[in-house]
Amino acid sequence: MADGNSEFDLHIWKQRAEGGRPDRYTVGVWQNGRILPLCHIQPLNNAIAAIQNALLQAGAQAIPPAPARKDNKNILSSLLRAIF
């Protein structure tokens, strides 16, 4: 976009784990009619990190990051749990 803003069409697939193991996630972003993988069958923290890396690469680093908060991962984890 000309104004430097970006929009992302994320695709998140959750693979439920068995035996007390953590669920796994595959994350991709739609771009020009194709899905580009960000991560494949990864634990939640790795999936969140993959999304963060994609945002930073898209130019989000120009915006000062929010102060580090211990509960940021918990907020996103809760959001992903609510979606799935």
PDB file of N, CA and C in Angstrom:
ATOM      1  N   MET A   1       0.831  -1.177   0.000  1.00  0.00           N
ATOM      2  CA  MET A   1       0.000   0.000   0.000  1.00  0.00           C
ATOM      3  C   MET A   1       0.880   1.247   0.000  1.00  0.00           C
ATOM      4  N   ALA A   2       0.415   2.289  -0.572  1.00  0.00           N
ATOM      5  CA  ALA A   2       1.200   3.503  -0.704  1.00  0.00           C
ATOM      6  C   ALA A   2       1.484   4.173   0.633  1.00  0.00           C
ATOM      7  N   ASP A   3       0.607   4.021   1.620  1.00  0.00           N
ATOM      8  CA  ASP A   3       0.802   4.692   2.897  1.00  0.00           C
ATOM      9  C   ASP A   3       1.679   3.913   3.864  1.00  0.00           C
ATOM     10  N   GLY A   4       2.204   2.781   3.461  1.00  0.00           N
ATOM     11  CA  GLY A   4       3.088   2.000   4.310  1.00  0.00           C
ATOM     12  C   GLY A   4       2.369   1.010   5.217  1.00  0.00           C
ATOM     13  N   ASN A   5       1.055   1.036   5.209  1.00  0.00           N
ATOM     14  CA  ASN A   5       0.303   0.082   6.012  1.00  0.00           C
ATOM     15  C   ASN A   5       0.239  -1.251   5.289  1.00  0.00           C
ATOM     16  N   SER A   6       0.083  -2.309   6.053  1.00  0.00           N
ATOM     17  CA  SER A   6      -0.008  -3.648   5.478  1.00  0.00           C
ATOM     18  C   SER A   6      -1.238  -4.357   6.009  1.00  0.00           C
ATOM     19  N   GLU A   7      -1.757  -5.246   5.208  1.00  0.00           N
ATOM     20  CA  GLU A   7      -2.879  -6.075   5.611  1.00  0.00           C
ATOM     21  C   GLU A   7      -2.493  -7.522   5.352  1.00  0.00           C
ATOM     22  N   PHE A   8      -2.839  -8.407   6.282  1.00  0.00           N
ATOM     23  CA  PHE A   8      -2.444  -9.800   6.177  1.00  0.00           C
ATOM     24  C   PHE A   8      -3.659 -10.696   6.261  1.00  0.00           C
ATOM     25  N   ASP A   9      -3.752 -11.648   5.354  1.00  0.00           N
ATOM     26  CA  ASP A   9      -4.782 -12.677   5.399  1.00  0.00           C
ATOM     27  C   ASP A   9      -4.113 -13.936   5.924  1.00  0.00           C
ATOM     28  N   LEU A  10      -4.179 -14.116   7.235  1.00  0.00           N
ATOM     29  CA  LEU A  10      -3.525 -15.266   7.856  1.00  0.00           C
ATOM     30  C   LEU A  10      -4.390 -16.513   7.754  1.00  0.00           C
ATOM     31  N   HIS A  11      -3.724 -17.617   7.591  1.00  0.00           N
ATOM     32  CA  HIS A  11      -4.364 -18.935   7.649  1.00  0.00           C
ATOM     33  C   HIS A  11      -3.670 -19.687   8.776  1.00  0.00           C
ATOM     34  N   ILE A  12      -4.439 -20.073   9.790  1.00  0.00           N
ATOM     35  CA  ILE A  12      -3.875 -20.796  10.934  1.00  0.00           C
ATOM     36  C   ILE A  12      -4.603 -22.130  11.058  1.00  0.00           C
ATOM     37  N   TRP A  13      -3.829 -23.190  11.053  1.00  0.00           N
ATOM     38  CA  TRP A  13      -4.370 -24.537  11.188  1.00  0.00           C
ATOM     39  C   TRP A  13      -3.834 -25.132  12.476  1.00  0.00           C
ATOM     40  N   LYS A  14      -4.733 -25.636  13.305  1.00  0.00           N
ATOM     41  CA  LYS A  14      -4.348 -26.213  14.589  1.00  0.00           C
ATOM     42  C   LYS A  14      -4.451 -27.725  14.511  1.00  0.00           C
ATOM     43  N   GLN A  15      -3.382 -28.386  14.865  1.00  0.00           N
ATOM     44  CA  GLN A  15      -3.363 -29.843  14.935  1.00  0.00           C
ATOM     45  C   GLN A  15      -3.413 -30.224  16.410  1.00  0.00           C
ATOM     46  N   ARG A  16      -4.522 -30.819  16.802  1.00  0.00           N
ATOM     47  CA  ARG A  16      -4.674 -31.215  18.203  1.00  0.00           C
ATOM     48  C   ARG A  16      -3.752 -32.381  18.523  1.00  0.00           C
ATOM     49  N   ALA A  17      -3.106 -32.272  19.662  1.00  0.00           N
ATOM     50  CA  ALA A  17      -2.177 -33.310  20.088  1.00  0.00           C
ATOM     51  C   ALA A  17      -2.882 -34.259  21.057  1.00  0.00           C
ATOM     52  N   GLU A  18      -2.298 -35.406  21.213  1.00  0.00           N
ATOM     53  CA  GLU A  18      -2.842 -36.407  22.123  1.00  0.00           C
ATOM     54  C   GLU A  18      -1.819 -36.696  23.217  1.00  0.00           C
ATOM     55  N   GLY A  19      -2.277 -37.349  24.264  1.00  0.00           N
ATOM     56  CA  GLY A  19      -1.367 -37.786  25.307  1.00  0.00           C
ATOM     57  C   GLY A  19      -0.740 -36.670  26.115  1.00  0.00           C
ATOM     58  N   GLY A  20      -1.456 -35.549  26.262  1.00  0.00           N
ATOM     59  CA  GLY A  20      -0.927 -34.452  27.063  1.00  0.00           C
ATOM     60  C   GLY A  20       0.119 -33.600  26.373  1.00  0.00           C
ATOM     61  N   ARG A  21       0.431 -33.909  25.125  1.00  0.00           N
ATOM     62  CA  ARG A  21       1.402 -33.090  24.387  1.00  0.00           C
ATOM     63  C   ARG A  21       0.725 -31.800  23.931  1.00  0.00           C
ATOM     64  N   PRO A  22       1.509 -30.731  23.736  1.00  0.00           N
ATOM     65  CA  PRO A  22       0.898 -29.468  23.292  1.00  0.00           C
ATOM     66  C   PRO A  22       0.428 -29.548  21.842  1.00  0.00           C
ATOM     67  N   ASP A  23      -0.637 -28.809  21.547  1.00  0.00           N
ATOM     68  CA  ASP A  23      -1.124 -28.716  20.174  1.00  0.00           C
ATOM     69  C   ASP A  23      -0.053 -28.087  19.299  1.00  0.00           C
ATOM     70  N   ARG A  24      -0.157 -28.308  17.990  1.00  0.00           N
ATOM     71  CA  ARG A  24       0.789 -27.762  17.011  1.00  0.00           C
ATOM     72  C   ARG A  24       0.024 -26.903  16.010  1.00  0.00           C
ATOM     73  N   TYR A  25       0.732 -25.932  15.431  1.00  0.00           N
ATOM     74  CA  TYR A  25       0.107 -24.977  14.521  1.00  0.00           C
ATOM     75  C   TYR A  25       0.897 -24.871  13.220  1.00  0.00           C
ATOM     76  N   THR A  26       0.159 -24.715  12.143  1.00  0.00           N
ATOM     77  CA  THR A  26       0.729 -24.376  10.849  1.00  0.00           C
ATOM     78  C   THR A  26       0.156 -23.007  10.488  1.00  0.00           C
ATOM     79  N   VAL A  27       1.025 -22.070  10.145  1.00  0.00           N
ATOM     80  CA  VAL A  27       0.597 -20.704   9.861  1.00  0.00           C
ATOM     81  C   VAL A  27       1.097 -20.311   8.475  1.00  0.00           C
ATOM     82  N   GLY A  28       0.213 -19.682   7.715  1.00  0.00           N
ATOM     83  CA  GLY A  28       0.584 -19.165   6.404  1.00  0.00           C
ATOM     84  C   GLY A  28      -0.125 -17.845   6.161  1.00  0.00           C
ATOM     85  N   VAL A  29       0.303 -17.147   5.156  1.00  0.00           N
ATOM     86  CA  VAL A  29      -0.330 -15.879   4.792  1.00  0.00           C
ATOM     87  C   VAL A  29      -0.659 -15.925   3.305  1.00  0.00           C
ATOM     88  N   TRP A  30      -1.885 -15.506   2.963  1.00  0.00           N
ATOM     89  CA  TRP A  30      -2.289 -15.458   1.555  1.00  0.00           C
ATOM     90  C   TRP A  30      -1.664 -14.232   0.907  1.00  0.00           C
ATOM     91  N   GLN A  31      -1.050 -14.445  -0.245  1.00  0.00           N
ATOM     92  CA  GLN A  31      -0.447 -13.345  -0.989  1.00  0.00           C
ATOM     93  C   GLN A  31      -0.535 -13.661  -2.475  1.00  0.00           C
ATOM     94  N   ASN A  32      -1.180 -12.793  -3.222  1.00  0.00           N
ATOM     95  CA  ASN A  32      -1.329 -12.964  -4.676  1.00  0.00           C
ATOM     96  C   ASN A  32      -1.923 -14.319  -5.038  1.00  0.00           C
ATOM     97  N   GLY A  33      -2.947 -14.739  -4.293  1.00  0.00           N
ATOM     98  CA  GLY A  33      -3.628 -15.987  -4.606  1.00  0.00           C
ATOM     99  C   GLY A  33      -2.894 -17.245  -4.185  1.00  0.00           C
ATOM    100  N   ARG A  34      -1.798 -17.104  -3.468  1.00  0.00           N
ATOM    101  CA  ARG A  34      -1.030 -18.268  -2.988  1.00  0.00           C
ATOM    102  C   ARG A  34      -0.842 -18.147  -1.494  1.00  0.00           C
ATOM    103  N   ILE A  35      -0.719 -19.281  -0.853  1.00  0.00           N
ATOM    104  CA  ILE A  35      -0.441 -19.251   0.573  1.00  0.00           C
ATOM    105  C   ILE A  35       1.058 -19.470   0.784  1.00  0.00           C
ATOM    106  N   LEU A  36       1.671 -18.540   1.505  1.00  0.00           N
ATOM    107  CA  LEU A  36       3.092 -18.623   1.782  1.00  0.00           C
ATOM    108  C   LEU A  36       3.268 -19.113   3.216  1.00  0.00           C
ATOM    109  N   PRO A  37       4.005 -20.179   3.425  1.00  0.00           N
ATOM    110  CA  PRO A  37       4.130 -20.729   4.773  1.00  0.00           C
ATOM    111  C   PRO A  37       4.993 -19.852   5.679  1.00  0.00           C
ATOM    112  N   LEU A  38       4.541 -19.723   6.920  1.00  0.00           N
ATOM    113  CA  LEU A  38       5.342 -19.058   7.942  1.00  0.00           C
ATOM    114  C   LEU A  38       5.936 -20.087   8.899  1.00  0.00           C
ATOM    115  N   CYS A  39       5.168 -21.109   9.217  1.00  0.00           N
ATOM    116  CA  CYS A  39       5.681 -22.215  10.027  1.00  0.00           C
ATOM    117  C   CYS A  39       4.793 -23.434   9.781  1.00  0.00           C
ATOM    118  N   HIS A  40       5.321 -24.608  10.052  1.00  0.00           N
ATOM    119  CA  HIS A  40       4.601 -25.856   9.781  1.00  0.00           C
ATOM    120  C   HIS A  40       4.678 -26.772  10.996  1.00  0.00           C
ATOM    121  N   ILE A  41       3.523 -27.079  11.553  1.00  0.00           N
ATOM    122  CA  ILE A  41       3.368 -27.991  12.687  1.00  0.00           C
ATOM    123  C   ILE A  41       4.351 -27.650  13.808  1.00  0.00           C
ATOM    124  N   GLN A  42       4.180 -26.464  14.368  1.00  0.00           N
ATOM    125  CA  GLN A  42       5.054 -25.957  15.430  1.00  0.00           C
ATOM    126  C   GLN A  42       4.249 -25.716  16.706  1.00  0.00           C
ATOM    127  N   PRO A  43       4.919 -25.751  17.874  1.00  0.00           N
ATOM    128  CA  PRO A  43       4.231 -25.390  19.109  1.00  0.00           C
ATOM    129  C   PRO A  43       3.786 -23.924  19.055  1.00  0.00           C
ATOM    130  N   LEU A  44       2.868 -23.560  19.931  1.00  0.00           N
ATOM    131  CA  LEU A  44       2.276 -22.230  19.910  1.00  0.00           C
ATOM    132  C   LEU A  44       3.315 -21.117  19.959  1.00  0.00           C
ATOM    133  N   ASN A  45       4.293 -21.211  20.833  1.00  0.00           N
ATOM    134  CA  ASN A  45       5.302 -20.143  20.929  1.00  0.00           C
ATOM    135  C   ASN A  45       6.061 -19.960  19.616  1.00  0.00           C
ATOM    136  N   ASN A  46       6.371 -21.040  18.924  1.00  0.00           N
ATOM    137  CA  ASN A  46       7.056 -20.934  17.627  1.00  0.00           C
ATOM    138  C   ASN A  46       6.138 -20.318  16.577  1.00  0.00           C
ATOM    139  N   ALA A  47       4.855 -20.668  16.622  1.00  0.00           N
ATOM    140  CA  ALA A  47       3.896 -20.098  15.667  1.00  0.00           C
ATOM    141  C   ALA A  47       3.768 -18.596  15.883  1.00  0.00           C
ATOM    142  N   ILE A  48       3.695 -18.180  17.148  1.00  0.00           N
ATOM    143  CA  ILE A  48       3.620 -16.751  17.456  1.00  0.00           C
ATOM    144  C   ILE A  48       4.883 -16.046  16.968  1.00  0.00           C
ATOM    145  N   ALA A  49       6.027 -16.652  17.182  1.00  0.00           N
ATOM    146  CA  ALA A  49       7.292 -16.064  16.727  1.00  0.00           C
ATOM    147  C   ALA A  49       7.321 -15.944  15.206  1.00  0.00           C
ATOM    148  N   ALA A  50       6.774 -16.927  14.487  1.00  0.00           N
ATOM    149  CA  ALA A  50       6.742 -16.873  13.025  1.00  0.00           C
ATOM    150  C   ALA A  50       5.873 -15.716  12.542  1.00  0.00           C
ATOM    151  N   ILE A  51       4.737 -15.499  13.203  1.00  0.00           N
ATOM    152  CA  ILE A  51       3.865 -14.369  12.851  1.00  0.00           C
ATOM    153  C   ILE A  51       4.600 -13.060  13.138  1.00  0.00           C
ATOM    154  N   GLN A  52       5.250 -12.977  14.279  1.00  0.00           N
ATOM    155  CA  GLN A  52       5.995 -11.779  14.638  1.00  0.00           C
ATOM    156  C   GLN A  52       7.089 -11.485  13.606  1.00  0.00           C
ATOM    157  N   ASN A  53       7.827 -12.503  13.200  1.00  0.00           N
ATOM    158  CA  ASN A  53       8.883 -12.310  12.196  1.00  0.00           C
ATOM    159  C   ASN A  53       8.313 -11.806  10.881  1.00  0.00           C
ATOM    160  N   ALA A  54       7.171 -12.356  10.462  1.00  0.00           N
ATOM    161  CA  ALA A  54       6.547 -11.911   9.216  1.00  0.00           C
ATOM    162  C   ALA A  54       6.128 -10.449   9.311  1.00  0.00           C
ATOM    163  N   LEU A  55       5.596 -10.041  10.454  1.00  0.00           N
ATOM    164  CA  LEU A  55       5.202  -8.644  10.632  1.00  0.00           C
ATOM    165  C   LEU A  55       6.415  -7.722  10.604  1.00  0.00           C
ATOM    166  N   LEU A  56       7.479  -8.142  11.250  1.00  0.00           N
ATOM    167  CA  LEU A  56       8.692  -7.319  11.247  1.00  0.00           C
ATOM    168  C   LEU A  56       9.269  -7.190   9.851  1.00  0.00           C
ATOM    169  N   GLN A  57       9.264  -8.266   9.102  1.00  0.00           N
ATOM    170  CA  GLN A  57       9.799  -8.228   7.738  1.00  0.00           C
ATOM    171  C   GLN A  57       8.932  -7.366   6.830  1.00  0.00           C
ATOM    172  N   ALA A  58       7.655  -7.232   7.153  1.00  0.00           N
ATOM    173  CA  ALA A  58       6.747  -6.438   6.326  1.00  0.00           C
ATOM    174  C   ALA A  58       6.842  -4.948   6.637  1.00  0.00           C
ATOM    175  N   GLY A  59       7.719  -4.576   7.542  1.00  0.00           N
ATOM    176  CA  GLY A  59       7.904  -3.164   7.823  1.00  0.00           C
ATOM    177  C   GLY A  59       7.365  -2.710   9.161  1.00  0.00           C
ATOM    178  N   ALA A  60       6.858  -3.613   9.963  1.00  0.00           N
ATOM    179  CA  ALA A  60       6.324  -3.228  11.261  1.00  0.00           C
ATOM    180  C   ALA A  60       7.419  -2.728  12.190  1.00  0.00           C
ATOM    181  N   GLN A  61       8.693  -3.000  11.861  1.00  0.00           N
ATOM    182  CA  GLN A  61       9.778  -2.550  12.725  1.00  0.00           C
ATOM    183  C   GLN A  61       9.878  -1.026  12.746  1.00  0.00           C
ATOM    184  N   ALA A  62       9.257  -0.343  11.788  1.00  0.00           N
ATOM    185  CA  ALA A  62       9.282   1.108  11.777  1.00  0.00           C
ATOM    186  C   ALA A  62       8.426   1.679  12.913  1.00  0.00           C
ATOM    187  N   ILE A  63       7.530   0.888  13.437  1.00  0.00           N
ATOM    188  CA  ILE A  63       6.682   1.298  14.545  1.00  0.00           C
ATOM    189  C   ILE A  63       7.370   0.856  15.831  1.00  0.00           C
ATOM    190  N   PRO A  64       7.567   1.739  16.780  1.00  0.00           N
ATOM    191  CA  PRO A  64       8.234   1.324  18.015  1.00  0.00           C
ATOM    192  C   PRO A  64       7.464   0.189  18.679  1.00  0.00           C
ATOM    193  N   PRO A  65       8.163  -0.845  19.122  1.00  0.00           N
ATOM    194  CA  PRO A  65       7.466  -1.962  19.754  1.00  0.00           C
ATOM    195  C   PRO A  65       6.859  -1.542  21.080  1.00  0.00           C
ATOM    196  N   ALA A  66       5.779  -2.221  21.433  1.00  0.00           N
ATOM    197  CA  ALA A  66       5.160  -1.980  22.727  1.00  0.00           C
ATOM    198  C   ALA A  66       6.127  -2.421  23.813  1.00  0.00           C
ATOM    199  N   PRO A  67       6.041  -1.821  24.972  1.00  0.00           N
ATOM    200  CA  PRO A  67       6.916  -2.270  26.057  1.00  0.00           C
ATOM    201  C   PRO A  67       6.720  -3.758  26.308  1.00  0.00           C
ATOM    202  N   ALA A  68       7.809  -4.435  26.594  1.00  0.00           N
ATOM    203  CA  ALA A  68       7.739  -5.876  26.831  1.00  0.00           C
ATOM    204  C   ALA A  68       6.842  -6.143  28.025  1.00  0.00           C
ATOM    205  N   ARG A  69       5.897  -7.031  27.800  1.00  0.00           N
ATOM    206  CA  ARG A  69       4.994  -7.421  28.878  1.00  0.00           C
ATOM    207  C   ARG A  69       5.004  -8.925  28.965  1.00  0.00           C
ATOM    208  N   LYS A  70       5.097  -9.405  30.142  1.00  0.00           N
ATOM    209  CA  LYS A  70       5.164 -10.840  30.359  1.00  0.00           C
ATOM    210  C   LYS A  70       3.907 -11.537  29.847  1.00  0.00           C
ATOM    211  N   ASP A  71       2.767 -10.836  29.879  1.00  0.00           N
ATOM    212  CA  ASP A  71       1.511 -11.480  29.527  1.00  0.00           C
ATOM    213  C   ASP A  71       1.151 -11.370  28.051  1.00  0.00           C
ATOM    214  N   ASN A  72       2.017 -10.770  27.194  1.00  0.00           N
ATOM    215  CA  ASN A  72       1.690 -10.671  25.767  1.00  0.00           C
ATOM    216  C   ASN A  72       1.436 -12.042  25.157  1.00  0.00           C
ATOM    217  N   LYS A  73       2.279 -13.024  25.458  1.00  0.00           N
ATOM    218  CA  LYS A  73       2.084 -14.361  24.913  1.00  0.00           C
ATOM    219  C   LYS A  73       0.799 -14.975  25.437  1.00  0.00           C
ATOM    220  N   ASN A  74       0.478 -14.687  26.706  1.00  0.00           N
ATOM    221  CA  ASN A  74      -0.752 -15.221  27.270  1.00  0.00           C
ATOM    222  C   ASN A  74      -1.974 -14.634  26.573  1.00  0.00           C
ATOM    223  N   ILE A  75      -1.905 -13.341  26.228  1.00  0.00           N
ATOM    224  CA  ILE A  75      -3.020 -12.703  25.533  1.00  0.00           C
ATOM    225  C   ILE A  75      -3.218 -13.346  24.171  1.00  0.00           C
ATOM    226  N   LEU A  76      -2.140 -13.500  23.386  1.00  0.00           N
ATOM    227  CA  LEU A  76      -2.255 -14.109  22.071  1.00  0.00           C
ATOM    228  C   LEU A  76      -2.637 -15.577  22.182  1.00  0.00           C
ATOM    229  N   SER A  77      -2.098 -16.274  23.166  1.00  0.00           N
ATOM    230  CA  SER A  77      -2.464 -17.666  23.381  1.00  0.00           C
ATOM    231  C   SER A  77      -3.959 -17.789  23.643  1.00  0.00           C
ATOM    232  N   SER A  78      -4.479 -16.909  24.481  1.00  0.00           N
ATOM    233  CA  SER A  78      -5.919 -16.912  24.794  1.00  0.00           C
ATOM    234  C   SER A  78      -6.731 -16.627  23.547  1.00  0.00           C
ATOM    235  N   LEU A  79      -6.260 -15.679  22.737  1.00  0.00           N
ATOM    236  CA  LEU A  79      -6.970 -15.343  21.496  1.00  0.00           C
ATOM    237  C   LEU A  79      -7.007 -16.537  20.570  1.00  0.00           C
ATOM    238  N   LEU A  80      -5.871 -17.204  20.375  1.00  0.00           N
ATOM    239  CA  LEU A  80      -5.842 -18.369  19.495  1.00  0.00           C
ATOM    240  C   LEU A  80      -6.713 -19.492  20.043  1.00  0.00           C
ATOM    241  N   ARG A  81      -6.710 -19.681  21.367  1.00  0.00           N
ATOM    242  CA  ARG A  81      -7.567 -20.718  21.951  1.00  0.00           C
ATOM    243  C   ARG A  81      -9.040 -20.402  21.721  1.00  0.00           C
ATOM    244  N   ALA A  82      -9.394 -19.117  21.793  1.00  0.00           N
ATOM    245  CA  ALA A  82     -10.788 -18.713  21.593  1.00  0.00           C
ATOM    246  C   ALA A  82     -11.220 -18.958  20.150  1.00  0.00           C
ATOM    247  N   ILE A  83     -10.296 -18.780  19.212  1.00  0.00           N
ATOM    248  CA  ILE A  83     -10.615 -18.997  17.801  1.00  0.00           C
ATOM    249  C   ILE A  83     -10.816 -20.477  17.525  1.00  0.00           C
ATOM    250  N   PHE A  84     -10.006 -21.309  18.139  1.00  0.00           N
ATOM    251  CA  PHE A  84     -10.071 -22.731  17.867  1.00  0.00           C
ATOM    252  C   PHE A  84     -10.833 -23.425  18.953  1.00  0.00           C
TER     253      PHE A  84
END
